[in-house]
């Protein structure tokens, strides 16, 4: 009787050891392949709008930051070098004693167009990646490319991809007619202030920055005077950290001339 009990005990210990080995082995496998498992699950759980948002959000953010540092353009042609950035002149003159001429009278549409052109290739790549992802999951995918629209709005930037997507799997069909990527950014407000400063520069040859900070408490406006009549304005949101900077060359005085403002 005691011999049987001993055998049972040894059997139970053996089973526990085997179970422990299996549990450890499963743990090792999960640890080793967790990144791949996580990526696979994430891809399958994302719906198409979420896929496009996560795929393009960083590209759009980086594009907006670059444009904001360079006066509204991806590749400025007439610019001042300031803190290692090519900052475009939004108001410029080569004449003496005269206020500058506005270079970008339609600044907001110009910025929107610059964003569209810069993200175009990435958008195509993201939509193709999404198509391949759903094909691998067994879906029949019908994707038609459409127009891309970018709009600066109060406190945000909206990028609308008018792509048509139909996913079919068995009797289940899903249709999407557009995809919107939203970015929290107040470039709309900053460009409105920039336009106001440019109007002052083109009319009077200068702008008083403290006036803007009096009315907009979250706004910081810096006027950095360089040389040869050049100035770089830096507009910053104290809370969000967003900024927009641009260059101006206005009311230029000849070398050696003492301005009445001096």
Protein backbone atom coordinates (compact mmCIF):
# COMPACT_ATOMS: atom_id res chain seq x y z
CA UNK A 1 0.00 0.00 0.00
CA UNK A 2 2.75 2.40 0.99
CA UNK A 3 4.62 1.45 -2.21
CA UNK A 4 1.62 2.50 -4.33
CA UNK A 5 1.39 5.80 -2.48
CA UNK A 6 5.08 6.39 -3.15
CA UNK A 7 4.60 5.69 -6.83
CA UNK A 8 1.60 8.05 -6.97
CA UNK A 9 3.60 10.79 -5.29
CA UNK A 10 6.48 10.36 -7.71
CA UNK A 11 4.01 10.43 -10.61
CA UNK A 12 2.45 13.65 -9.37
CA UNK A 13 5.87 15.27 -8.99
CA UNK A 14 6.76 14.21 -12.53
CA UNK A 15 3.54 15.71 -13.89
CA UNK A 16 4.19 19.00 -12.05
CA UNK A 17 7.74 19.10 -13.45
CA UNK A 18 6.46 18.52 -16.99
CA UNK A 19 3.79 21.21 -16.58
CA UNK A 20 6.41 23.62 -15.23
CA UNK A 21 8.67 22.93 -18.23
CA UNK A 22 5.75 23.50 -20.64
CA UNK A 23 4.80 26.78 -18.93
CA UNK A 24 8.40 28.03 -19.05
CA UNK A 25 8.69 27.03 -22.71
CA UNK A 26 5.47 28.89 -23.57
CA UNK A 27 6.74 31.93 -21.68
CA UNK A 28 10.02 31.88 -23.62
CA UNK A 29 8.16 31.61 -26.94
CA UNK A 30 5.82 34.49 -26.07
CA UNK A 31 8.76 36.65 -24.97
CA UNK A 32 10.71 35.82 -28.15
CA UNK A 33 7.89 36.44 -30.60
CA UNK A 34 5.94 39.14 -28.72
CA UNK A 35 6.88 42.01 -31.08
CA UNK A 36 5.71 40.04 -34.13
CA UNK A 37 2.55 38.90 -32.34
CA UNK A 38 1.81 42.45 -31.18
CA UNK A 39 2.36 43.88 -34.67
CA UNK A 40 0.12 41.24 -36.23
CA UNK A 41 -2.67 41.81 -33.71
CA UNK A 42 -2.38 45.59 -34.02
CA UNK A 43 -2.65 45.42 -37.82
CA UNK A 44 -5.68 43.16 -37.65
CA UNK A 45 -7.44 45.27 -35.01
CA UNK A 46 -6.91 48.60 -36.76
CA UNK A 47 -9.74 49.71 -39.00
CA UNK A 48 -8.76 51.46 -42.27
CA UNK A 49 -9.13 55.06 -40.95
CA UNK A 50 -6.98 54.23 -37.90
CA UNK A 51 -4.39 52.56 -40.12
CA UNK A 52 -4.04 55.69 -42.29
CA UNK A 53 -4.00 58.01 -39.25
CA UNK A 54 -1.14 56.09 -37.62
CA UNK A 55 0.73 55.68 -40.91
CA UNK A 56 0.66 59.36 -41.98
CA UNK A 57 0.37 61.39 -38.78
CA UNK A 58 4.11 61.61 -38.12
CA UNK A 59 4.89 62.54 -41.75
CA UNK A 60 2.31 65.32 -41.69
CA UNK A 61 3.58 66.59 -38.32
CA UNK A 62 7.19 66.69 -39.55
CA UNK A 63 6.11 68.45 -42.74
CA UNK A 64 4.20 71.10 -40.80
CA UNK A 65 7.16 71.69 -38.49
CA UNK A 66 9.54 72.13 -41.45
CA UNK A 67 7.19 74.50 -43.25
CA UNK A 68 6.68 76.50 -40.05
CA UNK A 69 10.44 76.92 -39.62
CA UNK A 70 10.91 78.06 -43.21
CA UNK A 71 8.24 80.70 -43.60
CA UNK A 72 5.61 78.52 -45.23
CA UNK A 73 7.59 76.72 -47.95
CA UNK A 74 9.35 73.37 -48.26
CA UNK A 75 12.10 74.81 -50.49
CA UNK A 76 12.32 78.60 -50.06
CA UNK A 77 13.89 80.47 -53.00
CA UNK A 78 14.29 83.95 -51.48
CA UNK A 79 15.26 83.51 -47.84
CA UNK A 80 17.32 84.65 -44.88
CA UNK A 81 19.51 82.18 -43.01
CA UNK A 82 18.45 82.16 -39.37
CA UNK A 83 19.41 79.55 -36.77
CA UNK A 84 20.40 77.09 -39.53
CA UNK A 85 16.99 77.46 -41.23
CA UNK A 86 16.25 79.00 -44.63
CA UNK A 87 13.45 81.37 -43.65
CA UNK A 88 11.47 82.68 -46.59
CA UNK A 89 10.84 86.38 -47.13
CA UNK A 90 7.09 86.93 -47.01
CA UNK A 91 7.58 90.66 -47.61
CA UNK A 92 10.60 91.98 -49.52
CA UNK A 93 12.07 94.99 -51.29
CA UNK A 94 15.45 95.94 -52.76
CA UNK A 95 14.55 99.63 -52.95
CA UNK A 96 15.69 102.23 -50.43
CA UNK A 97 13.25 104.09 -48.18
CA UNK A 98 10.26 101.99 -49.29
CA UNK A 99 8.16 99.40 -47.45
CA UNK A 100 8.32 95.84 -48.70
CA UNK A 101 6.06 94.10 -51.20
CA UNK A 102 4.06 91.09 -50.04
CA UNK A 103 5.48 87.90 -51.59
CA UNK A 104 2.77 85.43 -50.54
CA UNK A 105 -0.59 87.23 -50.61
CA UNK A 106 -2.35 83.84 -50.28
CA UNK A 107 -0.25 82.40 -47.46
CA UNK A 108 -2.79 79.91 -46.07
CA UNK A 109 -3.58 78.24 -49.45
CA UNK A 110 0.14 78.23 -50.25
CA UNK A 111 0.96 76.33 -47.05
CA UNK A 112 -1.87 73.86 -47.65
CA UNK A 113 -0.54 73.19 -51.15
CA UNK A 114 3.01 72.71 -49.84
CA UNK A 115 1.80 70.10 -47.34
CA UNK A 116 -0.10 68.20 -50.04
CA UNK A 117 2.91 68.06 -52.37
CA UNK A 118 5.27 66.93 -49.60
CA UNK A 119 3.12 64.05 -48.29
CA UNK A 120 1.89 62.79 -51.66
CA UNK A 121 4.33 59.89 -52.07
CA UNK A 122 3.97 58.81 -48.44
CA UNK A 123 0.19 58.78 -48.79
CA UNK A 124 0.36 56.44 -51.80
CA UNK A 125 2.77 54.17 -49.93
CA UNK A 126 0.51 54.03 -46.85
CA UNK A 127 -2.60 53.17 -48.84
CA UNK A 128 -0.71 50.46 -50.74
CA UNK A 129 0.55 49.07 -47.43
CA UNK A 130 -3.00 49.01 -46.09
CA UNK A 131 -4.19 47.18 -49.21
CA UNK A 132 -1.50 44.51 -48.81
CA UNK A 133 -2.32 44.13 -45.11
CA UNK A 134 -5.99 43.35 -45.81
CA UNK A 135 -5.19 41.07 -48.74
CA UNK A 136 -3.01 39.00 -46.39
CA UNK A 137 -5.97 38.77 -44.01
CA UNK A 138 -8.08 37.21 -46.77
CA UNK A 139 -10.02 40.27 -47.89
CA UNK A 140 -10.87 41.19 -51.45
CA UNK A 141 -9.71 44.83 -51.72
CA UNK A 142 -10.91 47.48 -54.18
CA UNK A 143 -8.97 50.74 -53.67
CA UNK A 144 -9.33 53.82 -55.88
CA UNK A 145 -7.06 56.83 -55.44
CA UNK A 146 -8.71 60.24 -55.10
CA UNK A 147 -7.89 63.88 -54.43
CA UNK A 148 -6.00 64.95 -51.30
CA UNK A 149 -7.11 68.12 -49.52
CA UNK A 150 -5.36 69.90 -46.65
CA UNK A 151 -7.06 72.63 -44.65
CA UNK A 152 -5.69 74.79 -41.86
CA UNK A 153 -8.50 75.09 -39.32
CA UNK A 154 -8.72 76.71 -35.87
CA UNK A 155 -6.51 74.66 -33.52
CA UNK A 156 -6.04 71.79 -35.98
CA UNK A 157 -4.94 70.75 -39.45
CA UNK A 158 -7.22 68.45 -41.43
CA UNK A 159 -5.90 66.24 -44.24
CA UNK A 160 -8.65 64.59 -46.24
CA UNK A 161 -7.84 61.70 -48.59
CA UNK A 162 -10.77 61.13 -50.93
CA UNK A 163 -9.85 57.50 -51.57
CA UNK A 164 -12.55 54.91 -52.14
CA UNK A 165 -12.05 51.57 -50.40
CA UNK A 166 -14.21 48.43 -50.43
CA UNK A 167 -13.28 45.41 -48.32
CA UNK A 168 -15.05 42.10 -48.92
CA UNK A 169 -14.66 38.88 -46.96
CA UNK A 170 -17.33 36.25 -47.36
CA UNK A 171 -20.68 37.98 -47.03
CA UNK A 172 -19.19 40.91 -45.11
CA UNK A 173 -18.54 44.12 -47.10
CA UNK A 174 -17.14 47.39 -45.74
CA UNK A 175 -17.01 50.64 -47.73
CA UNK A 176 -15.04 53.83 -47.04
CA UNK A 177 -15.29 56.95 -49.20
CA UNK A 178 -12.72 59.17 -47.48
CA UNK A 179 -10.01 59.16 -44.83
CA UNK A 180 -9.23 62.09 -42.55
CA UNK A 181 -6.01 62.62 -40.60
CA UNK A 182 -6.29 65.31 -37.91
CA UNK A 183 -3.31 67.04 -36.36
CA UNK A 184 -3.54 69.24 -33.26
CA UNK A 185 -1.76 72.42 -34.36
CA UNK A 186 -2.67 76.13 -34.35
CA UNK A 187 -0.82 77.07 -37.55
CA UNK A 188 -4.12 78.63 -38.70
CA UNK A 189 -3.91 81.22 -35.91
CA UNK A 190 -0.17 81.81 -36.32
CA UNK A 191 -0.45 82.47 -40.06
CA UNK A 192 -3.28 84.93 -39.39
CA UNK A 193 -0.95 86.89 -37.09
CA UNK A 194 1.83 86.63 -39.69
CA UNK A 195 -0.48 88.12 -42.33
CA UNK A 196 -1.28 91.03 -40.02
CA UNK A 197 2.42 91.74 -39.39
CA UNK A 198 3.13 91.55 -43.11
CA UNK A 199 0.37 94.09 -43.77
CA UNK A 200 2.01 96.50 -41.32
CA UNK A 201 5.43 95.94 -42.87
CA UNK A 202 4.14 96.50 -46.40
CA UNK A 203 2.34 99.71 -45.34
CA UNK A 204 4.64 101.32 -42.78
CA UNK A 205 7.91 99.41 -43.06
CA UNK A 206 7.71 97.98 -39.53
CA UNK A 207 5.37 96.31 -37.03
CA UNK A 208 4.95 96.71 -33.26
CA UNK A 209 5.06 93.23 -31.77
CA UNK A 210 3.96 94.05 -28.21
CA UNK A 211 0.47 94.92 -29.49
CA UNK A 212 -0.13 91.31 -30.52
CA UNK A 213 1.05 89.89 -27.20
CA UNK A 214 -1.26 92.29 -25.37
CA UNK A 215 -4.29 90.90 -27.19
CA UNK A 216 -3.14 87.26 -27.38
CA UNK A 217 -1.75 86.26 -23.99
CA UNK A 218 -0.59 82.82 -25.14
CA UNK A 219 1.34 84.34 -28.04
CA UNK A 220 5.02 85.24 -28.03
CA UNK A 221 6.25 87.44 -30.89
CA UNK A 222 9.96 88.03 -31.42
CA UNK A 223 11.40 90.45 -33.97
CA UNK A 224 15.02 89.59 -34.67
CA UNK A 225 16.84 92.32 -36.59
CA UNK A 226 19.63 90.97 -38.80
CA UNK A 227 21.53 93.12 -41.30
CA UNK A 228 20.76 95.14 -44.43
CA UNK A 229 17.16 95.77 -43.38
CA UNK A 230 16.36 92.09 -42.83
CA UNK A 231 14.18 90.90 -39.95
CA UNK A 232 12.97 87.50 -38.84
CA UNK A 233 9.71 87.30 -36.91
CA UNK A 234 9.18 84.26 -34.70
CA UNK A 235 5.61 83.58 -33.54
CA UNK A 236 5.28 81.01 -30.74
CA UNK A 237 2.40 79.58 -28.76
CA UNK A 238 3.49 79.60 -25.10
CA UNK A 239 1.21 76.68 -24.20
CA UNK A 240 1.43 74.37 -27.21
CA UNK A 241 5.00 75.13 -28.29
CA UNK A 242 4.00 75.51 -31.95
CA UNK A 243 5.77 78.25 -33.87
CA UNK A 244 5.87 79.98 -37.23
CA UNK A 245 8.74 82.14 -38.41
CA UNK A 246 9.23 84.26 -41.52
CA UNK A 247 11.58 86.91 -42.89
CA UNK A 248 10.97 90.52 -43.98
CA UNK A 249 13.15 93.12 -45.71
CA UNK A 250 11.44 96.49 -45.57
CA UNK A 251 12.22 100.22 -45.29
CA UNK A 252 15.86 99.66 -46.24
CA UNK A 253 18.35 102.47 -45.59
CA UNK A 254 21.62 103.01 -47.50
CA UNK A 255 24.85 102.08 -45.78
CA UNK A 256 25.94 104.84 -43.41
CA UNK A 257 22.52 106.48 -43.34
CA UNK A 258 21.12 107.19 -39.89
CA UNK A 259 17.42 106.35 -39.77
CA UNK A 260 15.06 108.89 -38.13
CA UNK A 261 14.03 106.04 -35.80
CA UNK A 262 17.59 105.71 -34.47
